[in-house]
């Protein structure tokens, strides 16, 4: 295929840059998550269920859950 026809079917430069930026953001987030997991494992009293229950409260006086066990 001639080069002119091939380049018209390729992803544009701007789209390629945006895809790269998106991928790099994803890798960065995954790296942060893994580092957080390692740090949490160093805490002997850390309890993931207790942490989630604190984060899951809506902030009202009743403190009811936003996400139920069934929804998980």
PDB file of N, CA and C in Angstrom:
ATOM      1  N   UNK A   1       0.837  -1.176   0.000  1.00  0.00           N
ATOM      2  CA  UNK A   1       0.000   0.000   0.000  1.00  0.00           C
ATOM      3  C   UNK A   1       0.891   1.252   0.000  1.00  0.00           C
ATOM      4  N   UNK A   2       0.562   2.241  -0.809  1.00  0.00           N
ATOM      5  CA  UNK A   2       1.353   3.477  -0.789  1.00  0.00           C
ATOM      6  C   UNK A   2       1.289   4.143   0.580  1.00  0.00           C
ATOM      7  N   UNK A   3       2.325   4.881   0.915  1.00  0.00           N
ATOM      8  CA  UNK A   3       2.420   5.530   2.226  1.00  0.00           C
ATOM      9  C   UNK A   3       1.269   6.490   2.486  1.00  0.00           C
ATOM     10  N   UNK A   4       0.784   7.200   1.462  1.00  0.00           N
ATOM     11  CA  UNK A   4      -0.312   8.152   1.658  1.00  0.00           C
ATOM     12  C   UNK A   4      -1.563   7.444   2.172  1.00  0.00           C
ATOM     13  N   UNK A   5      -1.851   6.258   1.648  1.00  0.00           N
ATOM     14  CA  UNK A   5      -3.031   5.530   2.084  1.00  0.00           C
ATOM     15  C   UNK A   5      -2.845   4.964   3.480  1.00  0.00           C
ATOM     16  N   UNK A   6      -1.653   4.531   3.813  1.00  0.00           N
ATOM     17  CA  UNK A   6      -1.388   3.984   5.136  1.00  0.00           C
ATOM     18  C   UNK A   6      -1.518   5.052   6.217  1.00  0.00           C
ATOM     19  N   UNK A   7      -0.983   6.225   5.975  1.00  0.00           N
ATOM     20  CA  UNK A   7      -1.015   7.264   7.002  1.00  0.00           C
ATOM     21  C   UNK A   7      -2.430   7.782   7.248  1.00  0.00           C
ATOM     22  N   UNK A   8      -3.300   7.724   6.269  1.00  0.00           N
ATOM     23  CA  UNK A   8      -4.673   8.188   6.469  1.00  0.00           C
ATOM     24  C   UNK A   8      -5.450   7.242   7.371  1.00  0.00           C
ATOM     25  N   UNK A   9      -4.974   6.013   7.526  1.00  0.00           N
ATOM     26  CA  UNK A   9      -5.656   5.030   8.367  1.00  0.00           C
ATOM     27  C   UNK A   9      -5.052   4.954   9.769  1.00  0.00           C
ATOM     28  N   UNK A  10      -4.007   5.695  10.011  1.00  0.00           N
ATOM     29  CA  UNK A  10      -3.340   5.663  11.309  1.00  0.00           C
ATOM     30  C   UNK A  10      -3.989   6.652  12.272  1.00  0.00           C
ATOM     31  N   UNK A  11      -3.697   6.459  13.527  1.00  0.00           N
ATOM     32  CA  UNK A  11      -4.177   7.378  14.560  1.00  0.00           C
ATOM     33  C   UNK A  11      -3.425   8.700  14.418  1.00  0.00           C
ATOM     34  N   UNK A  12      -4.133   9.788  14.565  1.00  0.00           N
ATOM     35  CA  UNK A  12      -3.517  11.105  14.465  1.00  0.00           C
ATOM     36  C   UNK A  12      -2.515  11.352  15.583  1.00  0.00           C
ATOM     37  N   UNK A  13      -1.663  12.333  15.392  1.00  0.00           N
ATOM     38  CA  UNK A  13      -0.624  12.657  16.367  1.00  0.00           C
ATOM     39  C   UNK A  13      -1.237  13.055  17.702  1.00  0.00           C
ATOM     40  N   UNK A  14      -2.239  13.917  17.680  1.00  0.00           N
ATOM     41  CA  UNK A  14      -2.875  14.378  18.919  1.00  0.00           C
ATOM     42  C   UNK A  14      -3.530  13.208  19.655  1.00  0.00           C
ATOM     43  N   UNK A  15      -4.231  12.352  18.903  1.00  0.00           N
ATOM     44  CA  UNK A  15      -4.876  11.186  19.524  1.00  0.00           C
ATOM     45  C   UNK A  15      -3.832  10.255  20.117  1.00  0.00           C
ATOM     46  N   UNK A  16      -2.738  10.077  19.419  1.00  0.00           N
ATOM     47  CA  UNK A  16      -1.662   9.229  19.913  1.00  0.00           C
ATOM     48  C   UNK A  16      -1.071   9.790  21.205  1.00  0.00           C
ATOM     49  N   UNK A  17      -0.894  11.096  21.264  1.00  0.00           N
ATOM     50  CA  UNK A  17      -0.374  11.742  22.472  1.00  0.00           C
ATOM     51  C   UNK A  17      -1.346  11.575  23.638  1.00  0.00           C
ATOM     52  N   UNK A  18      -2.629  11.718  23.358  1.00  0.00           N
ATOM     53  CA  UNK A  18      -3.633  11.571  24.413  1.00  0.00           C
ATOM     54  C   UNK A  18      -3.698  10.134  24.923  1.00  0.00           C
ATOM     55  N   UNK A  19      -3.589   9.175  24.024  1.00  0.00           N
ATOM     56  CA  UNK A  19      -3.585   7.766  24.428  1.00  0.00           C
ATOM     57  C   UNK A  19      -2.367   7.473  25.298  1.00  0.00           C
ATOM     58  N   UNK A  20      -1.221   8.007  24.910  1.00  0.00           N
ATOM     59  CA  UNK A  20      -0.005   7.819  25.707  1.00  0.00           C
ATOM     60  C   UNK A  20      -0.167   8.448  27.090  1.00  0.00           C
ATOM     61  N   UNK A  21      -0.725   9.655  27.131  1.00  0.00           N
ATOM     62  CA  UNK A  21      -0.942  10.339  28.406  1.00  0.00           C
ATOM     63  C   UNK A  21      -1.901   9.540  29.296  1.00  0.00           C
ATOM     64  N   UNK A  22      -2.956   9.013  28.713  1.00  0.00           N
ATOM     65  CA  UNK A  22      -3.914   8.195  29.454  1.00  0.00           C
ATOM     66  C   UNK A  22      -3.242   6.948  30.008  1.00  0.00           C
ATOM     67  N   UNK A  23      -2.461   6.266  29.185  1.00  0.00           N
ATOM     68  CA  UNK A  23      -1.769   5.055  29.617  1.00  0.00           C
ATOM     69  C   UNK A  23      -0.779   5.355  30.743  1.00  0.00           C
ATOM     70  N   UNK A  24      -0.035   6.441  30.606  1.00  0.00           N
ATOM     71  CA  UNK A  24       0.934   6.808  31.640  1.00  0.00           C
ATOM     72  C   UNK A  24       0.224   7.157  32.953  1.00  0.00           C
ATOM     73  N   UNK A  25      -0.939   7.802  32.872  1.00  0.00           N
ATOM     74  CA  UNK A  25      -1.725   8.093  34.076  1.00  0.00           C
ATOM     75  C   UNK A  25      -2.179   6.806  34.745  1.00  0.00           C
ATOM     76  N   UNK A  26      -2.605   5.855  33.937  1.00  0.00           N
ATOM     77  CA  UNK A  26      -3.047   4.562  34.458  1.00  0.00           C
ATOM     78  C   UNK A  26      -1.895   3.852  35.170  1.00  0.00           C
ATOM     79  N   UNK A  27      -0.726   3.828  34.555  1.00  0.00           N
ATOM     80  CA  UNK A  27       0.445   3.183  35.161  1.00  0.00           C
ATOM     81  C   UNK A  27       0.812   3.878  36.471  1.00  0.00           C
ATOM     82  N   UNK A  28       0.753   5.197  36.490  1.00  0.00           N
ATOM     83  CA  UNK A  28       1.076   5.966  37.693  1.00  0.00           C
ATOM     84  C   UNK A  28       0.105   5.633  38.830  1.00  0.00           C
ATOM     85  N   UNK A  29      -1.176   5.562  38.516  1.00  0.00           N
ATOM     86  CA  UNK A  29      -2.186   5.237  39.531  1.00  0.00           C
ATOM     87  C   UNK A  29      -1.970   3.828  40.069  1.00  0.00           C
ATOM     88  N   UNK A  30      -1.725   2.873  39.177  1.00  0.00           N
ATOM     89  CA  UNK A  30      -1.484   1.500  39.609  1.00  0.00           C
ATOM     90  C   UNK A  30      -0.249   1.417  40.506  1.00  0.00           C
ATOM     91  N   UNK A  31       0.764   2.178  40.183  1.00  0.00           N
ATOM     92  CA  UNK A  31       1.971   2.208  41.001  1.00  0.00           C
ATOM     93  C   UNK A  31       1.675   2.760  42.390  1.00  0.00           C
ATOM     94  N   UNK A  32       0.879   3.817  42.453  1.00  0.00           N
ATOM     95  CA  UNK A  32       0.495   4.385  43.755  1.00  0.00           C
ATOM     96  C   UNK A  32      -0.307   3.370  44.573  1.00  0.00           C
ATOM     97  N   UNK A  33      -1.208   2.658  43.923  1.00  0.00           N
ATOM     98  CA  UNK A  33      -2.017   1.650  44.624  1.00  0.00           C
ATOM     99  C   UNK A  33      -1.121   0.567  45.213  1.00  0.00           C
ATOM    100  N   UNK A  34      -0.168   0.090  44.423  1.00  0.00           N
ATOM    101  CA  UNK A  34       0.738  -0.951  44.912  1.00  0.00           C
ATOM    102  C   UNK A  34       1.571  -0.443  46.084  1.00  0.00           C
ATOM    103  N   UNK A  35       2.030   0.791  46.009  1.00  0.00           N
ATOM    104  CA  UNK A  35       2.801   1.359  47.123  1.00  0.00           C
ATOM    105  C   UNK A  35       1.950   1.495  48.378  1.00  0.00           C
ATOM    106  N   UNK A  36       0.681   1.895  48.209  1.00  0.00           N
ATOM    107  CA  UNK A  36      -0.220   1.996  49.355  1.00  0.00           C
ATOM    108  C   UNK A  36      -0.445   0.627  49.988  1.00  0.00           C
ATOM    109  N   UNK A  37      -0.615  -0.394  49.167  1.00  0.00           N
ATOM    110  CA  UNK A  37      -0.799  -1.758  49.686  1.00  0.00           C
ATOM    111  C   UNK A  37       0.402  -2.186  50.511  1.00  0.00           C
ATOM    112  N   UNK A  38       1.595  -1.917  50.003  1.00  0.00           N
ATOM    113  CA  UNK A  38       2.818  -2.288  50.733  1.00  0.00           C
ATOM    114  C   UNK A  38       2.888  -1.574  52.074  1.00  0.00           C
ATOM    115  N   UNK A  39       2.542  -0.285  52.079  1.00  0.00           N
ATOM    116  CA  UNK A  39       2.571   0.477  53.328  1.00  0.00           C
ATOM    117  C   UNK A  39       1.527  -0.036  54.319  1.00  0.00           C
ATOM    118  N   UNK A  40       0.348  -0.383  53.826  1.00  0.00           N
ATOM    119  CA  UNK A  40      -0.702  -0.881  54.718  1.00  0.00           C
ATOM    120  C   UNK A  40      -0.349  -2.234  55.307  1.00  0.00           C
ATOM    121  N   UNK A  41       0.347  -3.059  54.541  1.00  0.00           N
ATOM    122  CA  UNK A  41       0.760  -4.368  55.053  1.00  0.00           C
ATOM    123  C   UNK A  41       1.772  -4.249  56.186  1.00  0.00           C
ATOM    124  N   UNK A  42       2.453  -3.121  56.269  1.00  0.00           N
ATOM    125  CA  UNK A  42       3.419  -2.893  57.344  1.00  0.00           C
ATOM    126  C   UNK A  42       2.729  -2.569  58.668  1.00  0.00           C
ATOM    127  N   UNK A  43       1.449  -2.221  58.619  1.00  0.00           N
ATOM    128  CA  UNK A  43       0.702  -1.853  59.831  1.00  0.00           C
ATOM    129  C   UNK A  43       0.016  -3.099  60.387  1.00  0.00           C
ATOM    130  N   UNK A  44       0.469  -3.604  61.509  1.00  0.00           N
ATOM    131  CA  UNK A  44      -0.100  -4.854  62.035  1.00  0.00           C
ATOM    132  C   UNK A  44      -1.561  -4.737  62.467  1.00  0.00           C
ATOM    133  N   UNK A  45      -1.990  -3.547  62.847  1.00  0.00           N
ATOM    134  CA  UNK A  45      -3.376  -3.391  63.325  1.00  0.00           C
ATOM    135  C   UNK A  45      -4.328  -2.907  62.235  1.00  0.00           C
ATOM    136  N   UNK A  46      -3.846  -2.799  61.001  1.00  0.00           N
ATOM    137  CA  UNK A  46      -4.709  -2.307  59.925  1.00  0.00           C
ATOM    138  C   UNK A  46      -5.766  -3.346  59.591  1.00  0.00           C
ATOM    139  N   UNK A  47      -6.999  -2.888  59.449  1.00  0.00           N
ATOM    140  CA  UNK A  47      -8.117  -3.767  59.121  1.00  0.00           C
ATOM    141  C   UNK A  47      -8.852  -3.158  57.935  1.00  0.00           C
ATOM    142  N   UNK A  48      -8.829  -3.815  56.797  1.00  0.00           N
ATOM    143  CA  UNK A  48      -9.441  -3.283  55.576  1.00  0.00           C
ATOM    144  C   UNK A  48     -10.953  -3.107  55.723  1.00  0.00           C
ATOM    145  N   UNK A  49     -11.606  -4.015  56.421  1.00  0.00           N
ATOM    146  CA  UNK A  49     -13.064  -3.902  56.603  1.00  0.00           C
ATOM    147  C   UNK A  49     -13.408  -2.669  57.430  1.00  0.00           C
ATOM    148  N   UNK A  50     -12.636  -2.409  58.471  1.00  0.00           N
ATOM    149  CA  UNK A  50     -12.880  -1.226  59.315  1.00  0.00           C
ATOM    150  C   UNK A  50     -12.599   0.059  58.523  1.00  0.00           C
ATOM    151  N   UNK A  51     -11.541   0.044  57.759  1.00  0.00           N
ATOM    152  CA  UNK A  51     -11.211   1.213  56.945  1.00  0.00           C
ATOM    153  C   UNK A  51     -12.318   1.505  55.937  1.00  0.00           C
ATOM    154  N   UNK A  52     -12.821   0.465  55.278  1.00  0.00           N
ATOM    155  CA  UNK A  52     -13.899   0.659  54.310  1.00  0.00           C
ATOM    156  C   UNK A  52     -15.158   1.165  54.989  1.00  0.00           C
ATOM    157  N   UNK A  53     -15.463   0.645  56.176  1.00  0.00           N
ATOM    158  CA  UNK A  53     -16.682   1.091  56.864  1.00  0.00           C
ATOM    159  C   UNK A  53     -16.596   2.572  57.218  1.00  0.00           C
ATOM    160  N   UNK A  54     -15.415   3.052  57.561  1.00  0.00           N
ATOM    161  CA  UNK A  54     -15.248   4.488  57.855  1.00  0.00           C
ATOM    162  C   UNK A  54     -15.419   5.306  56.581  1.00  0.00           C
ATOM    163  N   UNK A  55     -14.817   4.877  55.495  1.00  0.00           N
ATOM    164  CA  UNK A  55     -14.924   5.602  54.229  1.00  0.00           C
ATOM    165  C   UNK A  55     -16.331   5.539  53.639  1.00  0.00           C
ATOM    166  N   UNK A  56     -17.083   4.519  53.983  1.00  0.00           N
ATOM    167  CA  UNK A  56     -18.393   4.292  53.402  1.00  0.00           C
ATOM    168  C   UNK A  56     -19.504   5.084  54.094  1.00  0.00           C
ATOM    169  N   UNK A  57     -19.226   5.755  55.182  1.00  0.00           N
ATOM    170  CA  UNK A  57     -20.262   6.521  55.878  1.00  0.00           C
ATOM    171  C   UNK A  57     -20.581   7.798  55.118  1.00  0.00           C
ATOM    172  N   UNK A  58     -21.810   8.230  55.218  1.00  0.00           N
ATOM    173  CA  UNK A  58     -22.244   9.420  54.476  1.00  0.00           C
ATOM    174  C   UNK A  58     -21.993  10.720  55.223  1.00  0.00           C
ATOM    175  N   UNK A  59     -21.540  10.645  56.457  1.00  0.00           N
ATOM    176  CA  UNK A  59     -21.224  11.857  57.211  1.00  0.00           C
ATOM    177  C   UNK A  59     -22.371  12.384  58.038  1.00  0.00           C
ATOM    178  N   UNK A  60     -23.541  11.813  57.926  1.00  0.00           N
ATOM    179  CA  UNK A  60     -24.666  12.277  58.744  1.00  0.00           C
ATOM    180  C   UNK A  60     -24.529  11.727  60.162  1.00  0.00           C
ATOM    181  N   UNK A  61     -25.373  12.218  61.065  1.00  0.00           N
ATOM    182  CA  UNK A  61     -25.316  11.749  62.460  1.00  0.00           C
ATOM    183  C   UNK A  61     -25.570  10.253  62.564  1.00  0.00           C
ATOM    184  N   UNK A  62     -26.451   9.752  61.724  1.00  0.00           N
ATOM    185  CA  UNK A  62     -26.754   8.319  61.733  1.00  0.00           C
ATOM    186  C   UNK A  62     -25.602   7.489  61.198  1.00  0.00           C
ATOM    187  N   UNK A  63     -24.844   8.063  60.278  1.00  0.00           N
ATOM    188  CA  UNK A  63     -23.693   7.376  59.724  1.00  0.00           C
ATOM    189  C   UNK A  63     -24.027   6.119  58.941  1.00  0.00           C
ATOM    190  N   UNK A  64     -25.148   6.129  58.218  1.00  0.00           N
ATOM    191  CA  UNK A  64     -25.507   4.908  57.486  1.00  0.00           C
ATOM    192  C   UNK A  64     -24.617   4.715  56.264  1.00  0.00           C
ATOM    193  N   UNK A  65     -24.544   3.473  55.823  1.00  0.00           N
ATOM    194  CA  UNK A  65     -23.672   3.112  54.710  1.00  0.00           C
ATOM    195  C   UNK A  65     -24.204   3.613  53.388  1.00  0.00           C
ATOM    196  N   UNK A  66     -23.287   4.073  52.528  1.00  0.00           N
ATOM    197  CA  UNK A  66     -23.648   4.445  51.168  1.00  0.00           C
ATOM    198  C   UNK A  66     -23.772   3.211  50.290  1.00  0.00           C
ATOM    199  N   UNK A  67     -22.904   2.244  50.520  1.00  0.00           N
ATOM    200  CA  UNK A  67     -22.891   1.012  49.720  1.00  0.00           C
ATOM    201  C   UNK A  67     -23.199  -0.145  50.652  1.00  0.00           C
ATOM    202  N   UNK A  68     -24.184  -0.932  50.289  1.00  0.00           N
ATOM    203  CA  UNK A  68     -24.539  -2.074  51.129  1.00  0.00           C
ATOM    204  C   UNK A  68     -23.675  -3.281  50.788  1.00  0.00           C
ATOM    205  N   UNK A  69     -23.685  -4.245  51.665  1.00  0.00           N
ATOM    206  CA  UNK A  69     -22.946  -5.492  51.423  1.00  0.00           C
ATOM    207  C   UNK A  69     -23.471  -6.176  50.161  1.00  0.00           C
ATOM    208  N   UNK A  70     -24.770  -6.134  49.942  1.00  0.00           N
ATOM    209  CA  UNK A  70     -25.370  -6.768  48.759  1.00  0.00           C
ATOM    210  C   UNK A  70     -24.894  -6.122  47.461  1.00  0.00           C
ATOM    211  N   UNK A  71     -24.661  -4.818  47.503  1.00  0.00           N
ATOM    212  CA  UNK A  71     -24.210  -4.107  46.307  1.00  0.00           C
ATOM    213  C   UNK A  71     -22.776  -4.436  45.940  1.00  0.00           C
ATOM    214  N   UNK A  72     -21.989  -4.859  46.925  1.00  0.00           N
ATOM    215  CA  UNK A  72     -20.605  -5.227  46.651  1.00  0.00           C
ATOM    216  C   UNK A  72     -20.593  -6.502  45.867  1.00  0.00           C
TER     217      UNK A  72
END
